[in-house]
Amino acid sequence: MSRCAFCGGQQRLGNHFFAHRYAQRKIETVKVCPGCEPAAREAGYVVAEREPSVSSDGREDSGTTPP
């Protein structure tokens, strides 16, 4: 399970996006559900890639495909 940093809602892995906010000498990264994307953008976050999900065999999916 994964929790949204804005609404606190929990969903299965792979349903949230990573959002990054850049400040001097640090990057803050949080998880954001699709419904909270606009709020994250308004708060200064850049919504990026979707978090990795867990496949049916229990292994984590990297979220990328091989070349």
Protein backbone atom coordinates (compact mmCIF):
# COMPACT_ATOMS: atom_id res chain seq x y z
CA MET A 1 0.00 0.00 0.00
CA SER A 2 1.04 3.55 -0.68
CA ARG A 3 -0.23 6.84 0.81
CA CYS A 4 -0.84 10.18 -0.95
CA ALA A 5 1.02 13.07 0.70
CA PHE A 6 -1.88 15.46 0.05
CA CYS A 7 -5.13 13.63 0.86
CA GLY A 8 -3.72 10.72 2.88
CA GLY A 9 -5.59 8.19 0.76
CA GLN A 10 -4.07 4.72 0.46
CA GLN A 11 -3.94 2.78 -2.79
CA ARG A 12 -2.07 -0.22 -4.13
CA LEU A 13 1.49 0.35 -5.30
CA GLY A 14 1.66 1.72 -8.81
CA ASN A 15 -1.33 4.06 -8.52
CA HIS A 16 0.51 7.13 -7.20
CA PHE A 17 2.91 9.46 -8.96
CA PHE A 18 6.18 10.79 -7.58
CA ALA A 19 6.19 14.58 -7.29
CA HIS A 20 9.38 16.56 -6.74
CA ARG A 21 9.87 20.05 -5.34
CA TYR A 22 13.27 21.63 -5.83
CA ALA A 23 14.75 23.98 -3.25
CA GLN A 24 18.26 25.20 -2.61
CA ARG A 25 20.47 22.13 -2.21
CA LYS A 26 17.60 19.70 -1.68
CA ILE A 27 14.87 17.87 -3.53
CA GLU A 28 11.68 16.93 -1.70
CA THR A 29 9.88 13.91 -3.16
CA VAL A 30 6.36 12.83 -2.17
CA LYS A 31 3.74 10.43 -3.54
CA VAL A 32 0.61 11.96 -5.07
CA CYS A 33 -2.62 10.26 -6.16
CA PRO A 34 -4.09 11.19 -9.56
CA GLY A 35 -6.83 13.26 -7.90
CA CYS A 36 -4.32 15.44 -6.04
CA GLU A 37 -2.07 16.21 -9.03
CA PRO A 38 -3.45 19.77 -9.43
CA ALA A 39 -2.89 20.51 -5.72
CA ALA A 40 0.67 19.20 -5.94
CA ARG A 41 1.39 21.43 -8.94
CA GLU A 42 -0.08 24.45 -7.11
CA ALA A 43 2.19 23.66 -4.15
CA GLY A 44 5.23 23.89 -6.42
CA TYR A 45 5.80 20.19 -7.12
CA VAL A 46 6.69 18.77 -10.52
CA VAL A 47 4.65 15.60 -11.03
CA ALA A 48 6.89 12.98 -12.58
CA GLU A 49 6.84 9.23 -13.12
CA ARG A 50 4.36 6.76 -11.67
CA GLU A 51 5.67 4.76 -8.72
CA PRO A 52 6.67 1.13 -9.40
CA SER A 53 3.92 -1.43 -8.93
CA VAL A 54 4.05 -4.97 -7.60
CA SER A 55 3.49 -7.63 -10.25
CA SER A 56 1.29 -10.68 -9.72
CA ASP A 57 4.31 -12.81 -8.80
CA GLY A 58 5.20 -10.42 -5.95
CA ARG A 59 8.18 -8.77 -7.62
CA GLU A 60 8.34 -5.02 -7.93
CA ASP A 61 7.88 -3.67 -11.45
CA SER A 62 10.44 -0.97 -12.22
CA GLY A 63 7.94 1.03 -14.26
CA THR A 64 10.22 1.00 -17.29
CA THR A 65 10.41 -1.29 -20.28
CA PRO A 66 13.65 -2.74 -21.63
CA PRO A 67 14.94 -1.43 -24.98
